[in-house]
Amino acid sequence: MSKLEYPIVVEPLPVEEGGGFLATVPDLPGCMSDGATPEEAVSAIQDAIMTWIEAARDPAIQFQNLRVTWRSQAERPP
């Protein structure tokens, strides 16, 4: 499967919260992951993106009050 390309925001986590880095995907609300380094956080977010999209396609999972803007019809779940 090809790598999905979404903008990713990487921010340092406070030491009080364990340190490391948090990666989020603004286009996919709630999609986040973390890692000890920025590179680890970016690597981990790729799995989170795939999981988020799989969940969005699952009719058994309800997304309430969620606004998603798909970039193209190809990205829109069936």
PDB file of N, CA and C in Angstrom:
ATOM      1  N   MET A   1       0.845  -1.177   0.000  1.00  0.00           N
ATOM      2  CA  MET A   1       0.000   0.000   0.000  1.00  0.00           C
ATOM      3  C   MET A   1       0.889   1.237   0.000  1.00  0.00           C
ATOM      4  N   SER A   2       0.459   2.250  -0.719  1.00  0.00           N
ATOM      5  CA  SER A   2       1.260   3.467  -0.799  1.00  0.00           C
ATOM      6  C   SER A   2       1.143   4.275   0.487  1.00  0.00           C
ATOM      7  N   LYS A   3       2.146   5.083   0.723  1.00  0.00           N
ATOM      8  CA  LYS A   3       2.175   5.945   1.904  1.00  0.00           C
ATOM      9  C   LYS A   3       1.181   7.085   1.699  1.00  0.00           C
ATOM     10  N   LEU A   4       0.351   7.316   2.700  1.00  0.00           N
ATOM     11  CA  LEU A   4      -0.621   8.396   2.634  1.00  0.00           C
ATOM     12  C   LEU A   4       0.045   9.704   3.018  1.00  0.00           C
ATOM     13  N   GLU A   5      -0.327  10.763   2.348  1.00  0.00           N
ATOM     14  CA  GLU A   5       0.295  12.048   2.622  1.00  0.00           C
ATOM     15  C   GLU A   5      -0.736  13.023   3.184  1.00  0.00           C
ATOM     16  N   TYR A   6      -0.569  13.328   4.440  1.00  0.00           N
ATOM     17  CA  TYR A   6      -1.375  14.319   5.143  1.00  0.00           C
ATOM     18  C   TYR A   6      -0.418  15.244   5.884  1.00  0.00           C
ATOM     19  N   PRO A   7      -0.796  16.500   6.067  1.00  0.00           N
ATOM     20  CA  PRO A   7       0.048  17.370   6.887  1.00  0.00           C
ATOM     21  C   PRO A   7       0.125  16.818   8.311  1.00  0.00           C
ATOM     22  N   ILE A   8       1.319  16.815   8.873  1.00  0.00           N
ATOM     23  CA  ILE A   8       1.553  16.309  10.225  1.00  0.00           C
ATOM     24  C   ILE A   8       2.176  17.434  11.047  1.00  0.00           C
ATOM     25  N   VAL A   9       1.671  17.613  12.263  1.00  0.00           N
ATOM     26  CA  VAL A   9       2.219  18.599  13.193  1.00  0.00           C
ATOM     27  C   VAL A   9       2.934  17.823  14.296  1.00  0.00           C
ATOM     28  N   VAL A  10       4.210  18.150  14.524  1.00  0.00           N
ATOM     29  CA  VAL A  10       4.993  17.505  15.578  1.00  0.00           C
ATOM     30  C   VAL A  10       5.355  18.557  16.615  1.00  0.00           C
ATOM     31  N   GLU A  11       5.023  18.246  17.871  1.00  0.00           N
ATOM     32  CA  GLU A  11       5.285  19.179  18.972  1.00  0.00           C
ATOM     33  C   GLU A  11       5.945  18.431  20.127  1.00  0.00           C
ATOM     34  N   PRO A  12       6.841  19.099  20.833  1.00  0.00           N
ATOM     35  CA  PRO A  12       7.428  18.447  22.009  1.00  0.00           C
ATOM     36  C   PRO A  12       6.385  18.321  23.123  1.00  0.00           C
ATOM     37  N   LEU A  13       6.453  17.204  23.854  1.00  0.00           N
ATOM     38  CA  LEU A  13       5.585  16.998  25.016  1.00  0.00           C
ATOM     39  C   LEU A  13       6.301  17.500  26.265  1.00  0.00           C
ATOM     40  N   PRO A  14       5.563  18.087  27.200  1.00  0.00           N
ATOM     41  CA  PRO A  14       6.196  18.545  28.437  1.00  0.00           C
ATOM     42  C   PRO A  14       6.819  17.377  29.208  1.00  0.00           C
ATOM     43  N   VAL A  15       7.891  17.670  29.907  1.00  0.00           N
ATOM     44  CA  VAL A  15       8.563  16.649  30.717  1.00  0.00           C
ATOM     45  C   VAL A  15       7.583  16.055  31.723  1.00  0.00           C
ATOM     46  N   GLU A  16       6.684  16.887  32.257  1.00  0.00           N
ATOM     47  CA  GLU A  16       5.678  16.415  33.219  1.00  0.00           C
ATOM     48  C   GLU A  16       4.773  15.337  32.620  1.00  0.00           C
ATOM     49  N   GLU A  17       4.644  15.335  31.310  1.00  0.00           N
ATOM     50  CA  GLU A  17       3.816  14.346  30.625  1.00  0.00           C
ATOM     51  C   GLU A  17       4.655  13.214  30.039  1.00  0.00           C
ATOM     52  N   GLY A  18       5.900  13.132  30.441  1.00  0.00           N
ATOM     53  CA  GLY A  18       6.754  12.041  29.986  1.00  0.00           C
ATOM     54  C   GLY A  18       7.749  12.423  28.914  1.00  0.00           C
ATOM     55  N   GLY A  19       7.664  13.651  28.418  1.00  0.00           N
ATOM     56  CA  GLY A  19       8.590  14.090  27.376  1.00  0.00           C
ATOM     57  C   GLY A  19       8.291  13.423  26.041  1.00  0.00           C
ATOM     58  N   GLY A  20       9.223  13.513  25.124  1.00  0.00           N
ATOM     59  CA  GLY A  20       9.029  12.965  23.788  1.00  0.00           C
ATOM     60  C   GLY A  20       8.333  13.965  22.891  1.00  0.00           C
ATOM     61  N   PHE A  21       7.688  13.440  21.862  1.00  0.00           N
ATOM     62  CA  PHE A  21       7.061  14.291  20.859  1.00  0.00           C
ATOM     63  C   PHE A  21       5.690  13.741  20.482  1.00  0.00           C
ATOM     64  N   LEU A  22       4.753  14.642  20.241  1.00  0.00           N
ATOM     65  CA  LEU A  22       3.403  14.305  19.830  1.00  0.00           C
ATOM     66  C   LEU A  22       3.235  14.668  18.361  1.00  0.00           C
ATOM     67  N   ALA A  23       2.720  13.734  17.584  1.00  0.00           N
ATOM     68  CA  ALA A  23       2.400  13.994  16.178  1.00  0.00           C
ATOM     69  C   ALA A  23       0.886  13.949  16.024  1.00  0.00           C
ATOM     70  N   THR A  24       0.333  14.974  15.383  1.00  0.00           N
ATOM     71  CA  THR A  24      -1.099  15.018  15.112  1.00  0.00           C
ATOM     72  C   THR A  24      -1.329  15.288  13.628  1.00  0.00           C
ATOM     73  N   VAL A  25      -2.538  14.944  13.172  1.00  0.00           N
ATOM     74  CA  VAL A  25      -2.920  15.156  11.778  1.00  0.00           C
ATOM     75  C   VAL A  25      -4.160  16.056  11.787  1.00  0.00           C
ATOM     76  N   PRO A  26      -3.987  17.349  11.529  1.00  0.00           N
ATOM     77  CA  PRO A  26      -5.121  18.273  11.595  1.00  0.00           C
ATOM     78  C   PRO A  26      -6.294  17.878  10.703  1.00  0.00           C
ATOM     79  N   ASP A  27      -6.027  17.242   9.571  1.00  0.00           N
ATOM     80  CA  ASP A  27      -7.098  16.841   8.656  1.00  0.00           C
ATOM     81  C   ASP A  27      -7.907  15.651   9.168  1.00  0.00           C
ATOM     82  N   LEU A  28      -7.398  14.940  10.182  1.00  0.00           N
ATOM     83  CA  LEU A  28      -8.067  13.758  10.720  1.00  0.00           C
ATOM     84  C   LEU A  28      -8.251  13.955  12.227  1.00  0.00           C
ATOM     85  N   PRO A  29      -9.361  14.553  12.642  1.00  0.00           N
ATOM     86  CA  PRO A  29      -9.565  14.877  14.053  1.00  0.00           C
ATOM     87  C   PRO A  29      -9.352  13.677  14.976  1.00  0.00           C
ATOM     88  N   GLY A  30      -8.535  13.888  16.000  1.00  0.00           N
ATOM     89  CA  GLY A  30      -8.259  12.842  16.975  1.00  0.00           C
ATOM     90  C   GLY A  30      -7.144  11.902  16.579  1.00  0.00           C
ATOM     91  N   CYS A  31      -6.612  12.054  15.383  1.00  0.00           N
ATOM     92  CA  CYS A  31      -5.530  11.183  14.920  1.00  0.00           C
ATOM     93  C   CYS A  31      -4.215  11.702  15.480  1.00  0.00           C
ATOM     94  N   MET A  32      -3.603  10.901  16.371  1.00  0.00           N
ATOM     95  CA  MET A  32      -2.357  11.322  16.992  1.00  0.00           C
ATOM     96  C   MET A  32      -1.532  10.110  17.399  1.00  0.00           C
ATOM     97  N   SER A  33      -0.264  10.358  17.587  1.00  0.00           N
ATOM     98  CA  SER A  33       0.659   9.340  18.073  1.00  0.00           C
ATOM     99  C   SER A  33       1.842  10.071  18.684  1.00  0.00           C
ATOM    100  N   ASP A  34       2.722   9.320  19.325  1.00  0.00           N
ATOM    101  CA  ASP A  34       3.883   9.968  19.921  1.00  0.00           C
ATOM    102  C   ASP A  34       5.123   9.106  19.747  1.00  0.00           C
ATOM    103  N   GLY A  35       6.250   9.655  20.128  1.00  0.00           N
ATOM    104  CA  GLY A  35       7.513   8.949  20.046  1.00  0.00           C
ATOM    105  C   GLY A  35       8.569   9.670  20.850  1.00  0.00           C
ATOM    106  N   ALA A  36       9.659   8.987  21.118  1.00  0.00           N
ATOM    107  CA  ALA A  36      10.755   9.579  21.883  1.00  0.00           C
ATOM    108  C   ALA A  36      11.452  10.678  21.101  1.00  0.00           C
ATOM    109  N   THR A  37      11.448  10.572  19.774  1.00  0.00           N
ATOM    110  CA  THR A  37      12.075  11.570  18.903  1.00  0.00           C
ATOM    111  C   THR A  37      11.035  12.045  17.887  1.00  0.00           C
ATOM    112  N   PRO A  38      11.267  13.171  17.237  1.00  0.00           N
ATOM    113  CA  PRO A  38      10.331  13.607  16.187  1.00  0.00           C
ATOM    114  C   PRO A  38      10.189  12.543  15.091  1.00  0.00           C
ATOM    115  N   GLU A  39      11.297  11.903  14.740  1.00  0.00           N
ATOM    116  CA  GLU A  39      11.256  10.879  13.688  1.00  0.00           C
ATOM    117  C   GLU A  39      10.383   9.696  14.098  1.00  0.00           C
ATOM    118  N   GLU A  40      10.489   9.277  15.359  1.00  0.00           N
ATOM    119  CA  GLU A  40       9.659   8.167  15.847  1.00  0.00           C
ATOM    120  C   GLU A  40       8.185   8.553  15.846  1.00  0.00           C
ATOM    121  N   ALA A  41       7.886   9.791  16.231  1.00  0.00           N
ATOM    122  CA  ALA A  41       6.497  10.252  16.237  1.00  0.00           C
ATOM    123  C   ALA A  41       5.917  10.271  14.823  1.00  0.00           C
ATOM    124  N   VAL A  42       6.699  10.725  13.846  1.00  0.00           N
ATOM    125  CA  VAL A  42       6.243  10.758  12.451  1.00  0.00           C
ATOM    126  C   VAL A  42       6.053   9.337  11.917  1.00  0.00           C
ATOM    127  N   SER A  43       6.947   8.446  12.260  1.00  0.00           N
ATOM    128  CA  SER A  43       6.813   7.051  11.832  1.00  0.00           C
ATOM    129  C   SER A  43       5.552   6.429  12.435  1.00  0.00           C
ATOM    130  N   ALA A  44       5.323   6.670  13.715  1.00  0.00           N
ATOM    131  CA  ALA A  44       4.165   6.092  14.395  1.00  0.00           C
ATOM    132  C   ALA A  44       2.852   6.665  13.878  1.00  0.00           C
ATOM    133  N   ILE A  45       2.851   7.917  13.447  1.00  0.00           N
ATOM    134  CA  ILE A  45       1.604   8.527  12.987  1.00  0.00           C
ATOM    135  C   ILE A  45       1.121   7.892  11.688  1.00  0.00           C
ATOM    136  N   GLN A  46       2.022   7.308  10.905  1.00  0.00           N
ATOM    137  CA  GLN A  46       1.597   6.642   9.664  1.00  0.00           C
ATOM    138  C   GLN A  46       0.615   5.509   9.969  1.00  0.00           C
ATOM    139  N   ASP A  47       0.903   4.719  11.017  1.00  0.00           N
ATOM    140  CA  ASP A  47      -0.028   3.657  11.423  1.00  0.00           C
ATOM    141  C   ASP A  47      -1.333   4.250  11.942  1.00  0.00           C
ATOM    142  N   ALA A  48      -1.235   5.351  12.686  1.00  0.00           N
ATOM    143  CA  ALA A  48      -2.438   5.997  13.214  1.00  0.00           C
ATOM    144  C   ALA A  48      -3.325   6.508  12.084  1.00  0.00           C
ATOM    145  N   ILE A  49      -2.719   7.025  11.031  1.00  0.00           N
ATOM    146  CA  ILE A  49      -3.491   7.506   9.872  1.00  0.00           C
ATOM    147  C   ILE A  49      -4.259   6.350   9.241  1.00  0.00           C
ATOM    148  N   MET A  50      -3.578   5.244   9.021  1.00  0.00           N
ATOM    149  CA  MET A  50      -4.230   4.069   8.427  1.00  0.00           C
ATOM    150  C   MET A  50      -5.380   3.587   9.314  1.00  0.00           C
ATOM    151  N   THR A  51      -5.145   3.538  10.618  1.00  0.00           N
ATOM    152  CA  THR A  51      -6.177   3.089  11.550  1.00  0.00           C
ATOM    153  C   THR A  51      -7.359   4.045  11.546  1.00  0.00           C
ATOM    154  N   TRP A  52      -7.085   5.340  11.502  1.00  0.00           N
ATOM    155  CA  TRP A  52      -8.149   6.343  11.476  1.00  0.00           C
ATOM    156  C   TRP A  52      -9.021   6.149  10.236  1.00  0.00           C
ATOM    157  N   ILE A  53      -8.389   5.974   9.095  1.00  0.00           N
ATOM    158  CA  ILE A  53      -9.138   5.813   7.840  1.00  0.00           C
ATOM    159  C   ILE A  53      -9.941   4.514   7.845  1.00  0.00           C
ATOM    160  N   GLU A  54      -9.355   3.431   8.341  1.00  0.00           N
ATOM    161  CA  GLU A  54     -10.090   2.161   8.439  1.00  0.00           C
ATOM    162  C   GLU A  54     -11.314   2.332   9.338  1.00  0.00           C
ATOM    163  N   ALA A  55     -11.156   3.028  10.455  1.00  0.00           N
ATOM    164  CA  ALA A  55     -12.284   3.251  11.361  1.00  0.00           C
ATOM    165  C   ALA A  55     -13.354   4.103  10.691  1.00  0.00           C
ATOM    166  N   ALA A  56     -12.953   5.089   9.917  1.00  0.00           N
ATOM    167  CA  ALA A  56     -13.918   5.952   9.231  1.00  0.00           C
ATOM    168  C   ALA A  56     -14.730   5.176   8.204  1.00  0.00           C
ATOM    169  N   ARG A  57     -14.163   4.124   7.667  1.00  0.00           N
ATOM    170  CA  ARG A  57     -14.865   3.302   6.672  1.00  0.00           C
ATOM    171  C   ARG A  57     -15.760   2.241   7.315  1.00  0.00           C
ATOM    172  N   ASP A  58     -15.598   1.989   8.601  1.00  0.00           N
ATOM    173  CA  ASP A  58     -16.351   0.949   9.300  1.00  0.00           C
ATOM    174  C   ASP A  58     -17.729   1.496   9.675  1.00  0.00           C
ATOM    175  N   PRO A  59     -18.796   0.936   9.102  1.00  0.00           N
ATOM    176  CA  PRO A  59     -20.134   1.466   9.394  1.00  0.00           C
ATOM    177  C   PRO A  59     -20.562   1.235  10.843  1.00  0.00           C
ATOM    178  N   ALA A  60     -19.903   0.337  11.558  1.00  0.00           N
ATOM    179  CA  ALA A  60     -20.255   0.064  12.955  1.00  0.00           C
ATOM    180  C   ALA A  60     -19.730   1.147  13.894  1.00  0.00           C
ATOM    181  N   ILE A  61     -18.784   1.950  13.439  1.00  0.00           N
ATOM    182  CA  ILE A  61     -18.215   3.000  14.274  1.00  0.00           C
ATOM    183  C   ILE A  61     -18.919   4.305  13.959  1.00  0.00           C
ATOM    184  N   GLN A  62     -19.428   4.933  14.977  1.00  0.00           N
ATOM    185  CA  GLN A  62     -20.155   6.189  14.812  1.00  0.00           C
ATOM    186  C   GLN A  62     -19.233   7.369  15.093  1.00  0.00           C
ATOM    187  N   PHE A  63     -19.156   8.284  14.172  1.00  0.00           N
ATOM    188  CA  PHE A  63     -18.420   9.525  14.354  1.00  0.00           C
ATOM    189  C   PHE A  63     -19.457  10.626  14.530  1.00  0.00           C
ATOM    190  N   GLN A  64     -19.554  11.151  15.733  1.00  0.00           N
ATOM    191  CA  GLN A  64     -20.529  12.202  15.982  1.00  0.00           C
ATOM    192  C   GLN A  64     -19.847  13.560  15.968  1.00  0.00           C
ATOM    193  N   ASN A  65     -20.549  14.514  15.401  1.00  0.00           N
ATOM    194  CA  ASN A  65     -20.052  15.896  15.343  1.00  0.00           C
ATOM    195  C   ASN A  65     -18.670  15.978  14.704  1.00  0.00           C
ATOM    196  N   LEU A  66     -18.443  15.183  13.704  1.00  0.00           N
ATOM    197  CA  LEU A  66     -17.146  15.139  13.035  1.00  0.00           C
ATOM    198  C   LEU A  66     -17.294  15.735  11.648  1.00  0.00           C
ATOM    199  N   ARG A  67     -16.450  16.694  11.354  1.00  0.00           N
ATOM    200  CA  ARG A  67     -16.462  17.306  10.025  1.00  0.00           C
ATOM    201  C   ARG A  67     -15.172  16.915   9.325  1.00  0.00           C
ATOM    202  N   VAL A  68     -15.295  16.216   8.223  1.00  0.00           N
ATOM    203  CA  VAL A  68     -14.135  15.787   7.455  1.00  0.00           C
ATOM    204  C   VAL A  68     -14.260  16.363   6.059  1.00  0.00           C
ATOM    205  N   THR A  69     -13.202  16.944   5.578  1.00  0.00           N
ATOM    206  CA  THR A  69     -13.161  17.444   4.219  1.00  0.00           C
ATOM    207  C   THR A  69     -12.194  16.564   3.438  1.00  0.00           C
ATOM    208  N   TRP A  70     -12.715  15.812   2.495  1.00  0.00           N
ATOM    209  CA  TRP A  70     -11.873  14.920   1.693  1.00  0.00           C
ATOM    210  C   TRP A  70     -11.258  15.721   0.559  1.00  0.00           C
ATOM    211  N   ARG A  71      -9.999  15.480   0.321  1.00  0.00           N
ATOM    212  CA  ARG A  71      -9.292  16.215  -0.733  1.00  0.00           C
ATOM    213  C   ARG A  71      -9.747  15.790  -2.123  1.00  0.00           C
ATOM    214  N   SER A  72     -10.140  14.528  -2.247  1.00  0.00           N
ATOM    215  CA  SER A  72     -10.580  14.037  -3.548  1.00  0.00           C
ATOM    216  C   SER A  72     -11.599  12.933  -3.335  1.00  0.00           C
ATOM    217  N   GLN A  73     -12.332  12.617  -4.377  1.00  0.00           N
ATOM    218  CA  GLN A  73     -13.304  11.526  -4.289  1.00  0.00           C
ATOM    219  C   GLN A  73     -12.607  10.210  -4.016  1.00  0.00           C
ATOM    220  N   ALA A  74     -11.361  10.039  -4.458  1.00  0.00           N
ATOM    221  CA  ALA A  74     -10.626   8.785  -4.259  1.00  0.00           C
ATOM    222  C   ALA A  74     -10.376   8.517  -2.771  1.00  0.00           C
ATOM    223  N   GLU A  75     -10.269   9.567  -1.957  1.00  0.00           N
ATOM    224  CA  GLU A  75     -10.019   9.399  -0.536  1.00  0.00           C
ATOM    225  C   GLU A  75     -11.301   9.155   0.261  1.00  0.00           C
ATOM    226  N   ARG A  76     -12.442   9.482  -0.313  1.00  0.00           N
ATOM    227  CA  ARG A  76     -13.712   9.356   0.392  1.00  0.00           C
ATOM    228  C   ARG A  76     -14.045   7.871   0.559  1.00  0.00           C
ATOM    229  N   PRO A  77     -14.398   7.454   1.794  1.00  0.00           N
ATOM    230  CA  PRO A  77     -14.793   6.058   2.019  1.00  0.00           C
ATOM    231  C   PRO A  77     -16.029   5.722   1.193  1.00  0.00           C
ATOM    232  N   PRO A  78     -16.153   4.454   0.791  1.00  0.00           N
ATOM    233  CA  PRO A  78     -17.332   4.064  -0.006  1.00  0.00           C
ATOM    234  C   PRO A  78     -18.607   4.163   0.805  1.00  0.00           C
TER     235      PRO A  78
END
